[in-house]
Amino acid sequence: MIAITTNTKITWEKLPDDFVLPDDPVDNITQPLLATALTDSFAVAGKLSETTLTPTNYAICATLDGKFVAKAPDWAFIPEIRVSLPEIDRSYTPHLQGEIPSIVMEFLSETEGDEYSTKPTYPPGKWFFYEEILQVPYYVIFDPSQGSLEVYRRNDSGNYHLQTADENGRFWIADVQLFLGVWQGTRDSRTGYWLRWWDEAGNLLLWAAELAEQERQRAEQERQRAEQAESELEALRQRLREAGID
């Protein structure tokens, strides 16, 4: 194997069309559900733009001494891409096509993965790739079966450091100005642990379905108040008529 050292030449090139990407199936249905939920609340809160990318199980690439490496995090947040979407239909190369991801996430499953792999030889482990090659500011590892959440932030020395949760069990993600935490409940017929976002004031960022239900309940309350007001007005009219007052 080739060891990746400080002398390794890292370049940012478009993945060749004939490069064979791993065709590994998603470990289970939970992973895409978790990813969709994260993006859903981002969209509702207006955190996404036309140049924002939130890829799911999608190849993010770099070239090490002429050898291509592609890793596919379960979810990532890329603040800005500088190319059209058709140009990144197979993979995404930071620096060449846009910014590096601000966050990458891996969701643990029963299938043994390399989420913690610091293997520095080619092909490098995920941890090493995110920390040393891409230099992603935040690396999140979540176990949806247990609800355990680990948030690592890259420090000034270039190493991931495990963050400490606040009194609510949440982690401040400075790059998106939001808290990340674990929420337990039901969505898409799945009851269990989910990753959710909270704003700086501690307000939960709603999913689209939750927002729609909130609006439905508000409209129903307004309808009931209007009916109650009309009923009270009619009762007043009746009392006035009985008193001989028109």
Protein backbone atom coordinates (compact mmCIF):
# COMPACT_ATOMS: atom_id res chain seq x y z
CA MET A 1 0.00 0.00 0.00
CA ILE A 2 1.03 3.62 -0.54
CA ALA A 3 1.30 5.66 2.66
CA ILE A 4 -0.30 9.10 2.56
CA THR A 5 2.16 11.58 4.03
CA THR A 6 2.74 15.32 4.03
CA ASN A 7 4.56 14.78 0.74
CA THR A 8 1.45 13.32 -0.89
CA LYS A 9 0.25 15.49 -3.73
CA ILE A 10 -3.45 16.28 -3.30
CA THR A 11 -5.23 17.62 -6.36
CA TRP A 12 -8.86 18.35 -7.13
CA GLU A 13 -9.89 16.87 -10.44
CA LYS A 14 -13.17 15.86 -11.99
CA LEU A 15 -13.82 12.15 -11.64
CA PRO A 16 -13.34 10.46 -15.03
CA ASP A 17 -16.50 9.20 -16.66
CA ASP A 18 -15.05 5.69 -16.78
CA PHE A 19 -14.21 5.64 -13.05
CA VAL A 20 -16.21 2.84 -11.45
CA LEU A 21 -17.92 4.11 -8.32
CA PRO A 22 -18.72 1.60 -5.57
CA ASP A 23 -22.20 0.21 -6.08
CA ASP A 24 -22.77 -0.70 -2.46
CA PRO A 25 -26.44 -0.83 -1.48
CA VAL A 26 -27.69 1.39 1.33
CA ASP A 27 -27.31 -0.59 4.56
CA ASN A 28 -30.97 -0.13 5.55
CA ILE A 29 -33.99 2.05 4.94
CA THR A 30 -33.26 4.12 8.05
CA GLN A 31 -30.27 5.91 6.55
CA PRO A 32 -32.06 7.68 3.67
CA LEU A 33 -34.96 8.54 5.98
CA LEU A 34 -32.61 10.24 8.44
CA ALA A 35 -30.90 12.14 5.65
CA THR A 36 -34.18 13.32 4.11
CA ALA A 37 -35.38 14.55 7.49
CA LEU A 38 -32.25 16.66 7.98
CA THR A 39 -32.65 18.33 4.60
CA ASP A 40 -36.41 18.75 5.05
CA SER A 41 -36.10 21.07 8.05
CA PHE A 42 -33.26 22.96 6.36
CA ALA A 43 -35.53 23.68 3.40
CA VAL A 44 -38.48 24.77 5.57
CA ALA A 45 -36.21 27.10 7.57
CA GLY A 46 -34.84 28.70 4.40
CA LYS A 47 -31.34 27.36 4.98
CA LEU A 48 -31.01 26.05 1.42
CA SER A 49 -30.33 28.02 -1.74
CA GLU A 50 -29.87 27.21 -5.41
CA THR A 51 -26.12 26.84 -4.81
CA THR A 52 -26.40 24.70 -1.66
CA LEU A 53 -25.92 20.95 -1.85
CA THR A 54 -27.01 18.36 0.72
CA PRO A 55 -25.89 15.07 -0.85
CA THR A 56 -26.88 11.70 0.54
CA ASN A 57 -24.68 8.64 0.00
CA TYR A 58 -23.00 10.55 -2.83
CA ALA A 59 -19.35 10.43 -3.88
CA ILE A 60 -17.10 13.29 -2.74
CA CYS A 61 -13.70 13.07 -4.40
CA ALA A 62 -10.03 13.95 -4.20
CA THR A 63 -6.95 12.79 -6.08
CA LEU A 64 -3.91 11.56 -4.14
CA ASP A 65 -0.69 11.24 -6.15
CA GLY A 66 -2.78 10.71 -9.28
CA LYS A 67 -5.09 8.13 -7.66
CA PHE A 68 -8.75 8.99 -7.30
CA VAL A 69 -10.51 8.54 -3.95
CA ALA A 70 -14.28 8.74 -3.51
CA LYS A 71 -16.12 8.57 -0.20
CA ALA A 72 -19.89 8.78 0.16
CA PRO A 73 -21.06 10.15 3.53
CA ASP A 74 -24.63 9.39 4.53
CA TRP A 75 -25.34 13.14 4.63
CA ALA A 76 -23.31 16.27 3.98
CA PHE A 77 -23.83 20.00 3.82
CA ILE A 78 -21.97 21.90 1.11
CA PRO A 79 -22.60 25.67 1.44
CA GLU A 80 -21.93 26.57 -2.18
CA ILE A 81 -21.32 24.83 -5.47
CA ARG A 82 -20.03 26.80 -8.44
CA VAL A 83 -21.17 24.57 -11.29
CA SER A 84 -24.52 23.48 -12.65
CA LEU A 85 -26.14 20.35 -11.24
CA PRO A 86 -25.63 18.28 -14.42
CA GLU A 87 -21.88 18.69 -13.93
CA ILE A 88 -22.04 16.86 -10.60
CA ASP A 89 -24.49 14.15 -11.51
CA ARG A 90 -22.02 11.37 -10.54
CA SER A 91 -19.71 12.94 -7.99
CA TYR A 92 -18.54 16.18 -6.44
CA THR A 93 -14.98 17.51 -6.24
CA PRO A 94 -14.37 20.26 -3.66
CA HIS A 95 -12.29 23.30 -4.65
CA LEU A 96 -12.83 22.44 -8.33
CA GLN A 97 -16.63 22.54 -8.30
CA GLY A 98 -17.34 24.45 -5.10
CA GLU A 99 -16.60 24.62 -1.39
CA ILE A 100 -15.62 21.79 0.91
CA PRO A 101 -18.46 20.33 2.98
CA SER A 102 -19.10 22.12 6.27
CA ILE A 103 -20.45 18.90 7.78
CA VAL A 104 -20.31 15.23 6.92
CA MET A 105 -22.39 12.63 8.74
CA GLU A 106 -22.25 8.88 9.01
CA PHE A 107 -25.13 6.80 10.38
CA LEU A 108 -23.99 3.58 12.03
CA SER A 109 -25.65 0.31 11.08
CA GLU A 110 -25.23 -3.37 11.77
CA THR A 111 -22.94 -3.53 8.77
CA GLU A 112 -19.39 -2.89 9.90
CA GLY A 113 -18.07 0.25 8.25
CA ASP A 114 -14.99 2.40 8.48
CA GLU A 115 -16.52 5.49 10.08
CA TYR A 116 -13.69 5.54 12.64
CA SER A 117 -10.96 4.39 10.27
CA THR A 118 -7.83 6.56 10.39
CA LYS A 119 -6.06 4.31 7.89
CA PRO A 120 -3.47 6.57 6.24
CA THR A 121 -2.65 4.24 3.35
CA TYR A 122 -4.39 4.27 0.00
CA PRO A 123 -7.35 4.06 -0.07
CA PRO A 124 -7.62 6.00 3.18
CA GLY A 125 -10.27 5.40 5.85
CA LYS A 126 -13.24 7.71 6.11
CA TRP A 127 -12.06 9.48 9.25
CA PHE A 128 -8.65 10.15 7.72
CA PHE A 129 -10.18 11.29 4.44
CA TYR A 130 -12.57 13.75 6.08
CA GLU A 131 -10.03 15.04 8.60
CA GLU A 132 -6.77 15.15 6.64
CA ILE A 133 -7.73 15.27 2.96
CA LEU A 134 -11.01 17.17 2.76
CA GLN A 135 -10.46 18.94 6.10
CA VAL A 136 -14.19 19.07 6.85
CA PRO A 137 -14.87 21.27 9.90
CA TYR A 138 -17.50 18.96 11.48
CA TYR A 139 -17.74 15.18 11.45
CA VAL A 140 -20.90 13.65 12.95
CA ILE A 141 -21.37 9.97 13.80
CA PHE A 142 -24.89 8.92 14.80
CA ASP A 143 -26.20 5.54 15.95
CA PRO A 144 -29.95 5.60 15.19
CA SER A 145 -30.62 2.35 17.04
CA GLN A 146 -29.23 3.68 20.34
CA GLY A 147 -29.73 7.39 19.82
CA SER A 148 -26.06 8.12 20.54
CA LEU A 149 -24.54 11.15 18.86
CA GLU A 150 -20.89 12.12 18.52
CA VAL A 151 -19.89 15.49 17.08
CA TYR A 152 -16.26 16.12 16.23
CA ARG A 153 -14.85 19.51 15.34
CA ARG A 154 -11.56 20.03 13.56
CA ASN A 155 -9.31 22.12 15.79
CA ASP A 156 -6.45 24.47 14.95
CA SER A 157 -4.04 21.53 14.94
CA GLY A 158 -6.02 19.87 12.17
CA ASN A 159 -7.40 17.05 14.33
CA TYR A 160 -10.97 16.12 15.16
CA HIS A 161 -11.88 16.84 18.78
CA LEU A 162 -14.99 15.34 20.41
CA GLN A 163 -17.41 18.11 21.38
CA THR A 164 -19.37 18.29 24.62
CA ALA A 165 -23.16 18.66 24.45
CA ASP A 166 -24.91 21.56 26.19
CA GLU A 167 -27.42 21.18 29.03
CA ASN A 168 -30.08 20.14 26.50
CA GLY A 169 -27.89 17.44 24.99
CA ARG A 170 -27.34 19.46 21.81
CA PHE A 171 -24.26 20.56 19.90
CA TRP A 172 -23.70 24.01 18.43
CA ILE A 173 -22.68 23.82 14.75
CA ALA A 174 -21.17 27.22 14.08
CA ASP A 175 -20.98 26.79 10.31
CA VAL A 176 -24.79 26.64 10.00
CA GLN A 177 -25.62 28.64 13.17
CA LEU A 178 -27.82 25.85 14.50
CA PHE A 179 -27.87 23.27 17.27
CA LEU A 180 -27.87 19.57 16.36
CA GLY A 181 -29.44 17.03 18.68
CA VAL A 182 -31.38 13.79 19.04
CA TRP A 183 -35.18 13.73 18.97
CA GLN A 184 -37.41 10.73 19.57
CA GLY A 185 -40.66 10.33 17.70
CA THR A 186 -42.35 9.18 14.50
CA ARG A 187 -41.89 10.19 10.88
CA ASP A 188 -42.50 8.23 7.68
CA SER A 189 -43.94 5.32 9.71
CA ARG A 190 -40.65 4.99 11.60
CA THR A 191 -40.66 5.49 15.36
CA GLY A 192 -37.24 5.96 16.91
CA TYR A 193 -34.34 8.36 17.23
CA TRP A 194 -33.84 11.16 14.70
CA LEU A 195 -31.36 13.98 14.24
CA ARG A 196 -33.02 17.39 14.48
CA TRP A 197 -31.98 21.03 14.25
CA TRP A 198 -32.73 23.82 16.75
CA ASP A 199 -32.11 27.53 16.28
CA GLU A 200 -30.06 29.69 18.62
CA ALA A 201 -33.12 30.47 20.73
CA GLY A 202 -33.82 26.76 21.23
CA ASN A 203 -36.73 26.52 18.81
CA LEU A 204 -37.07 23.23 16.96
CA LEU A 205 -36.85 23.54 13.16
CA LEU A 206 -40.01 21.94 11.86
CA TRP A 207 -40.38 19.45 9.05
CA ALA A 208 -42.72 20.40 6.20
CA ALA A 209 -45.43 18.00 7.43
CA GLU A 210 -45.19 19.41 10.96
CA LEU A 211 -45.47 22.96 9.65
CA ALA A 212 -48.50 22.01 7.57
CA GLU A 213 -50.15 20.39 10.60
CA GLN A 214 -49.36 23.45 12.70
CA GLU A 215 -51.01 25.68 10.09
CA ARG A 216 -54.03 23.35 9.90
CA GLN A 217 -54.48 23.51 13.67
CA ARG A 218 -54.13 27.29 13.65
CA ALA A 219 -56.76 27.58 10.91
CA GLU A 220 -59.08 25.25 12.84
CA GLN A 221 -58.66 27.33 16.01
CA GLU A 222 -59.44 30.50 14.07
CA ARG A 223 -62.57 28.87 12.61
CA GLN A 224 -63.73 27.79 16.06
CA ARG A 225 -63.13 31.27 17.48
CA ALA A 226 -65.10 32.82 14.62
CA GLU A 227 -68.00 30.40 15.19
CA GLN A 228 -67.94 31.11 18.93
CA ALA A 229 -67.98 34.86 18.31
CA GLU A 230 -70.89 34.54 15.89
CA SER A 231 -72.77 32.36 18.37
CA GLU A 232 -72.25 34.89 21.17
CA LEU A 233 -73.36 37.73 18.89
CA GLU A 234 -76.51 35.88 17.90
CA ALA A 235 -77.27 35.18 21.59
CA LEU A 236 -76.90 38.91 22.32
CA ARG A 237 -79.24 39.78 19.44
CA GLN A 238 -81.81 37.33 20.79
CA ARG A 239 -81.68 38.86 24.27
CA LEU A 240 -82.10 42.34 22.82
CA ARG A 241 -85.12 41.23 20.75
CA GLU A 242 -86.68 39.64 23.83
CA ALA A 243 -86.18 42.95 25.64
CA GLY A 244 -87.97 44.74 22.81
CA ILE A 245 -84.84 46.40 21.51
CA ASP A 246 -84.24 46.37 17.76
